[in-house]
Amino acid sequence: MKRTVAILILLGAVSIASAKPPRPQDATQDMKDAGHDTKQAAKKTGTAVEKSTKKAGNETAHAAKKTGTVVESATKKAGHETAHAAKKTGSAVENTTKKATHE
């Protein structure tokens, strides 16, 4: 048991002694890599936002066009119905006037 503990302590000491401290150049490169990764992520996000914004704009324009068509159709129908009712009312008034003048 003492032998195992001594070997483990020796291995720990060897691994600590062989470990290299980080060099300043490594830290600089890590910073550059992080900056590059951040830039790429921002580009991807911007592209995704642009794409979804265009899609939403196109869908909104399509919906507005559809709504305009429905409103136009309903307005024409209402106009025709109003004209028909006015013509009918005018005929009724004319007939009433003729009857009143003949009596």
N, C-alpha and C. Protein backbone atom coordinates (compact mmCIF):
# COMPACT_ATOMS: atom_id res chain seq x y z
N MET A 1 0.81 -1.18 0.00
CA MET A 1 0.00 0.00 0.00
C MET A 1 0.86 1.26 0.00
N LYS A 2 1.92 1.25 0.83
CA LYS A 2 2.82 2.40 0.87
C LYS A 2 3.49 2.59 -0.49
N ARG A 3 3.79 1.47 -1.12
CA ARG A 3 4.44 1.54 -2.43
C ARG A 3 3.51 2.20 -3.47
N THR A 4 2.20 1.86 -3.45
CA THR A 4 1.23 2.43 -4.38
C THR A 4 1.10 3.93 -4.16
N VAL A 5 1.04 4.33 -2.92
CA VAL A 5 0.93 5.76 -2.61
C VAL A 5 2.18 6.49 -3.07
N ALA A 6 3.33 5.92 -2.89
CA ALA A 6 4.59 6.55 -3.31
C ALA A 6 4.63 6.68 -4.83
N ILE A 7 4.15 5.67 -5.54
CA ILE A 7 4.13 5.72 -7.02
C ILE A 7 3.17 6.81 -7.50
N LEU A 8 2.01 6.88 -6.87
CA LEU A 8 1.04 7.92 -7.25
C LEU A 8 1.59 9.32 -7.01
N ILE A 9 2.26 9.52 -5.87
CA ILE A 9 2.86 10.83 -5.58
C ILE A 9 3.94 11.14 -6.60
N LEU A 10 4.75 10.14 -6.93
CA LEU A 10 5.81 10.34 -7.92
C LEU A 10 5.23 10.68 -9.30
N LEU A 11 4.18 9.97 -9.71
CA LEU A 11 3.54 10.26 -11.00
C LEU A 11 2.93 11.67 -11.02
N GLY A 12 2.32 12.07 -9.92
CA GLY A 12 1.75 13.42 -9.82
C GLY A 12 2.81 14.48 -9.95
N ALA A 13 3.96 14.26 -9.28
CA ALA A 13 5.05 15.22 -9.33
C ALA A 13 5.62 15.31 -10.74
N VAL A 14 5.74 14.17 -11.41
CA VAL A 14 6.27 14.16 -12.78
C VAL A 14 5.31 14.88 -13.73
N SER A 15 4.01 14.64 -13.58
CA SER A 15 3.05 15.29 -14.48
C SER A 15 3.02 16.80 -14.27
N ILE A 16 3.15 17.24 -13.03
CA ILE A 16 3.18 18.69 -12.75
C ILE A 16 4.45 19.31 -13.32
N ALA A 17 5.55 18.62 -13.18
CA ALA A 17 6.83 19.16 -13.67
C ALA A 17 6.87 19.20 -15.19
N SER A 18 6.20 18.26 -15.84
CA SER A 18 6.25 18.23 -17.30
C SER A 18 5.21 19.14 -17.95
N ALA A 19 4.25 19.64 -17.20
CA ALA A 19 3.23 20.53 -17.75
C ALA A 19 3.85 21.86 -18.15
N LYS A 20 3.47 22.35 -19.31
CA LYS A 20 4.01 23.62 -19.80
C LYS A 20 3.09 24.77 -19.37
N PRO A 21 3.66 25.83 -18.91
CA PRO A 21 2.80 26.99 -18.62
C PRO A 21 2.33 27.60 -19.94
N PRO A 22 1.15 28.17 -19.96
CA PRO A 22 0.66 28.76 -21.22
C PRO A 22 1.55 29.91 -21.66
N ARG A 23 1.84 29.94 -22.94
CA ARG A 23 2.66 31.02 -23.47
C ARG A 23 1.77 32.20 -23.84
N PRO A 24 2.27 33.40 -23.78
CA PRO A 24 1.46 34.57 -24.13
C PRO A 24 0.95 34.50 -25.57
N GLN A 25 1.72 33.89 -26.45
CA GLN A 25 1.29 33.79 -27.85
C GLN A 25 0.03 32.94 -27.96
N ASP A 26 -0.07 31.89 -27.16
CA ASP A 26 -1.26 31.04 -27.19
C ASP A 26 -2.49 31.83 -26.77
N ALA A 27 -2.34 32.66 -25.74
CA ALA A 27 -3.47 33.47 -25.28
C ALA A 27 -3.88 34.47 -26.35
N THR A 28 -2.93 35.06 -27.04
CA THR A 28 -3.23 36.01 -28.12
C THR A 28 -3.98 35.31 -29.24
N GLN A 29 -3.53 34.12 -29.61
CA GLN A 29 -4.20 33.38 -30.68
C GLN A 29 -5.61 32.98 -30.24
N ASP A 30 -5.76 32.62 -28.98
CA ASP A 30 -7.09 32.28 -28.47
C ASP A 30 -8.03 33.47 -28.57
N MET A 31 -7.52 34.65 -28.27
CA MET A 31 -8.34 35.87 -28.38
C MET A 31 -8.74 36.12 -29.82
N LYS A 32 -7.78 35.94 -30.73
CA LYS A 32 -8.08 36.13 -32.15
C LYS A 32 -9.13 35.14 -32.62
N ASP A 33 -8.98 33.89 -32.20
CA ASP A 33 -9.95 32.86 -32.58
C ASP A 33 -11.34 33.18 -32.05
N ALA A 34 -11.38 33.64 -30.80
CA ALA A 34 -12.67 33.99 -30.21
C ALA A 34 -13.31 35.15 -30.97
N GLY A 35 -12.52 36.14 -31.33
CA GLY A 35 -13.04 37.27 -32.11
C GLY A 35 -13.55 36.83 -33.46
N HIS A 36 -12.83 35.94 -34.11
CA HIS A 36 -13.25 35.43 -35.43
C HIS A 36 -14.56 34.63 -35.30
N ASP A 37 -14.64 33.80 -34.27
CA ASP A 37 -15.86 33.01 -34.06
C ASP A 37 -17.05 33.92 -33.79
N THR A 38 -16.83 34.97 -33.01
CA THR A 38 -17.90 35.92 -32.72
C THR A 38 -18.37 36.62 -33.99
N LYS A 39 -17.42 37.00 -34.83
CA LYS A 39 -17.74 37.67 -36.09
C LYS A 39 -18.58 36.75 -36.98
N GLN A 40 -18.19 35.49 -37.07
CA GLN A 40 -18.93 34.53 -37.90
C GLN A 40 -20.34 34.32 -37.36
N ALA A 41 -20.46 34.23 -36.05
CA ALA A 41 -21.78 34.05 -35.44
C ALA A 41 -22.67 35.26 -35.71
N ALA A 42 -22.10 36.46 -35.64
CA ALA A 42 -22.87 37.67 -35.91
C ALA A 42 -23.33 37.71 -37.37
N LYS A 43 -22.46 37.28 -38.29
CA LYS A 43 -22.83 37.24 -39.71
C LYS A 43 -23.99 36.27 -39.94
N LYS A 44 -23.88 35.09 -39.33
CA LYS A 44 -24.95 34.10 -39.50
C LYS A 44 -26.26 34.61 -38.93
N THR A 45 -26.20 35.25 -37.78
CA THR A 45 -27.41 35.79 -37.17
C THR A 45 -28.00 36.88 -38.04
N GLY A 46 -27.16 37.76 -38.55
CA GLY A 46 -27.65 38.83 -39.43
C GLY A 46 -28.29 38.28 -40.68
N THR A 47 -27.71 37.26 -41.26
CA THR A 47 -28.28 36.65 -42.46
C THR A 47 -29.62 36.02 -42.16
N ALA A 48 -29.72 35.33 -41.04
CA ALA A 48 -30.99 34.70 -40.65
C ALA A 48 -32.07 35.74 -40.41
N VAL A 49 -31.71 36.84 -39.75
CA VAL A 49 -32.68 37.90 -39.48
C VAL A 49 -33.13 38.53 -40.80
N GLU A 50 -32.19 38.78 -41.69
CA GLU A 50 -32.52 39.38 -42.99
C GLU A 50 -33.49 38.47 -43.75
N LYS A 51 -33.20 37.19 -43.78
CA LYS A 51 -34.03 36.24 -44.51
C LYS A 51 -35.45 36.20 -43.93
N SER A 52 -35.56 36.11 -42.62
CA SER A 52 -36.88 36.02 -42.00
C SER A 52 -37.65 37.34 -42.13
N THR A 53 -36.94 38.46 -42.12
CA THR A 53 -37.60 39.75 -42.30
C THR A 53 -38.17 39.88 -43.71
N LYS A 54 -37.39 39.46 -44.70
CA LYS A 54 -37.88 39.50 -46.09
C LYS A 54 -39.11 38.60 -46.25
N LYS A 55 -39.04 37.42 -45.65
CA LYS A 55 -40.15 36.48 -45.76
C LYS A 55 -41.40 37.07 -45.12
N ALA A 56 -41.25 37.66 -43.93
CA ALA A 56 -42.39 38.27 -43.25
C ALA A 56 -42.96 39.43 -44.07
N GLY A 57 -42.09 40.23 -44.66
CA GLY A 57 -42.54 41.34 -45.50
C GLY A 57 -43.32 40.86 -46.71
N ASN A 58 -42.82 39.81 -47.35
CA ASN A 58 -43.51 39.26 -48.51
C ASN A 58 -44.87 38.68 -48.13
N GLU A 59 -44.92 37.99 -47.01
CA GLU A 59 -46.19 37.43 -46.56
C GLU A 59 -47.19 38.53 -46.20
N THR A 60 -46.70 39.60 -45.61
CA THR A 60 -47.57 40.72 -45.27
C THR A 60 -48.11 41.38 -46.53
N ALA A 61 -47.25 41.57 -47.52
CA ALA A 61 -47.69 42.17 -48.77
C ALA A 61 -48.73 41.29 -49.45
N HIS A 62 -48.50 39.99 -49.43
CA HIS A 62 -49.45 39.06 -50.05
C HIS A 62 -50.80 39.12 -49.34
N ALA A 63 -50.77 39.13 -48.01
CA ALA A 63 -52.01 39.19 -47.23
C ALA A 63 -52.75 40.51 -47.49
N ALA A 64 -52.01 41.61 -47.60
CA ALA A 64 -52.63 42.90 -47.87
C ALA A 64 -53.29 42.92 -49.24
N LYS A 65 -52.62 42.32 -50.21
CA LYS A 65 -53.17 42.26 -51.56
C LYS A 65 -54.46 41.43 -51.57
N LYS A 66 -54.43 40.30 -50.85
CA LYS A 66 -55.61 39.45 -50.75
C LYS A 66 -56.76 40.20 -50.09
N THR A 67 -56.45 40.91 -49.01
CA THR A 67 -57.47 41.67 -48.30
C THR A 67 -58.04 42.76 -49.20
N GLY A 68 -57.17 43.43 -49.93
CA GLY A 68 -57.63 44.47 -50.85
C GLY A 68 -58.56 43.93 -51.91
N THR A 69 -58.27 42.74 -52.41
CA THR A 69 -59.12 42.11 -53.42
C THR A 69 -60.49 41.78 -52.83
N VAL A 70 -60.51 41.26 -51.63
CA VAL A 70 -61.78 40.93 -50.97
C VAL A 70 -62.60 42.19 -50.72
N VAL A 71 -61.94 43.23 -50.24
CA VAL A 71 -62.64 44.50 -49.98
C VAL A 71 -63.19 45.08 -51.28
N GLU A 72 -62.38 45.04 -52.32
CA GLU A 72 -62.82 45.56 -53.62
C GLU A 72 -64.06 44.80 -54.11
N SER A 73 -64.02 43.49 -54.01
CA SER A 73 -65.14 42.67 -54.45
C SER A 73 -66.40 42.98 -53.64
N ALA A 74 -66.24 43.07 -52.32
CA ALA A 74 -67.39 43.37 -51.46
C ALA A 74 -67.94 44.76 -51.75
N THR A 75 -67.08 45.70 -52.02
CA THR A 75 -67.52 47.07 -52.31
C THR A 75 -68.31 47.10 -53.62
N LYS A 76 -67.81 46.40 -54.64
CA LYS A 76 -68.53 46.34 -55.92
C LYS A 76 -69.90 45.71 -55.73
N LYS A 77 -69.96 44.62 -54.98
CA LYS A 77 -71.22 43.92 -54.74
C LYS A 77 -72.19 44.84 -54.02
N ALA A 78 -71.70 45.53 -52.99
CA ALA A 78 -72.56 46.44 -52.24
C ALA A 78 -73.06 47.57 -53.14
N GLY A 79 -72.18 48.06 -54.01
CA GLY A 79 -72.57 49.12 -54.94
C GLY A 79 -73.66 48.65 -55.90
N HIS A 80 -73.52 47.44 -56.42
CA HIS A 80 -74.53 46.89 -57.34
C HIS A 80 -75.85 46.69 -56.60
N GLU A 81 -75.79 46.17 -55.40
CA GLU A 81 -77.01 45.95 -54.62
C GLU A 81 -77.69 47.27 -54.29
N THR A 82 -76.91 48.27 -53.98
CA THR A 82 -77.47 49.59 -53.67
C THR A 82 -78.13 50.18 -54.91
N ALA A 83 -77.45 50.06 -56.05
CA ALA A 83 -78.01 50.58 -57.29
C ALA A 83 -79.31 49.85 -57.63
N HIS A 84 -79.32 48.55 -57.45
CA HIS A 84 -80.53 47.76 -57.74
C HIS A 84 -81.67 48.18 -56.81
N ALA A 85 -81.36 48.35 -55.52
CA ALA A 85 -82.39 48.77 -54.57
C ALA A 85 -82.89 50.17 -54.90
N ALA A 86 -81.99 51.06 -55.31
CA ALA A 86 -82.41 52.43 -55.66
C ALA A 86 -83.31 52.41 -56.89
N LYS A 87 -82.96 51.57 -57.84
CA LYS A 87 -83.77 51.47 -59.06
C LYS A 87 -85.15 50.92 -58.73
N LYS A 88 -85.18 49.92 -57.86
CA LYS A 88 -86.44 49.32 -57.45
C LYS A 88 -87.30 50.35 -56.71
N THR A 89 -86.65 51.11 -55.80
CA THR A 89 -87.36 52.14 -55.04
C THR A 89 -87.87 53.23 -55.99
N GLY A 90 -87.03 53.59 -56.95
CA GLY A 90 -87.43 54.61 -57.92
C GLY A 90 -88.63 54.16 -58.73
N SER A 91 -88.65 52.92 -59.12
CA SER A 91 -89.80 52.39 -59.87
C SER A 91 -91.04 52.38 -59.00
N ALA A 92 -90.92 52.02 -57.76
CA ALA A 92 -92.06 52.00 -56.85
C ALA A 92 -92.60 53.40 -56.65
N VAL A 93 -91.70 54.37 -56.48
CA VAL A 93 -92.13 55.76 -56.29
C VAL A 93 -92.81 56.27 -57.57
N GLU A 94 -92.26 55.90 -58.70
CA GLU A 94 -92.83 56.34 -59.99
C GLU A 94 -94.22 55.75 -60.17
N ASN A 95 -94.37 54.48 -59.86
CA ASN A 95 -95.69 53.86 -59.97
C ASN A 95 -96.69 54.50 -59.01
N THR A 96 -96.26 54.80 -57.81
CA THR A 96 -97.13 55.44 -56.83
C THR A 96 -97.51 56.84 -57.32
N THR A 97 -96.57 57.55 -57.89
CA THR A 97 -96.83 58.89 -58.40
C THR A 97 -97.83 58.83 -59.56
N LYS A 98 -97.68 57.88 -60.48
CA LYS A 98 -98.61 57.73 -61.59
C LYS A 98 -100.00 57.42 -61.10
N LYS A 99 -100.11 56.55 -60.11
CA LYS A 99 -101.42 56.21 -59.58
C LYS A 99 -102.06 57.43 -58.90
N ALA A 100 -101.24 58.18 -58.22
CA ALA A 100 -101.75 59.35 -57.51
C ALA A 100 -102.21 60.42 -58.49
N THR A 101 -101.55 60.57 -59.60
CA THR A 101 -101.92 61.61 -60.57
C THR A 101 -103.13 61.19 -61.38
N HIS A 102 -103.39 59.91 -61.54
CA HIS A 102 -104.53 59.43 -62.31
C HIS A 102 -105.80 59.44 -61.48
N GLU A 103 -105.70 59.49 -60.24
CA GLU A 103 -106.89 59.46 -59.40
C GLU A 103 -107.44 60.77 -59.20
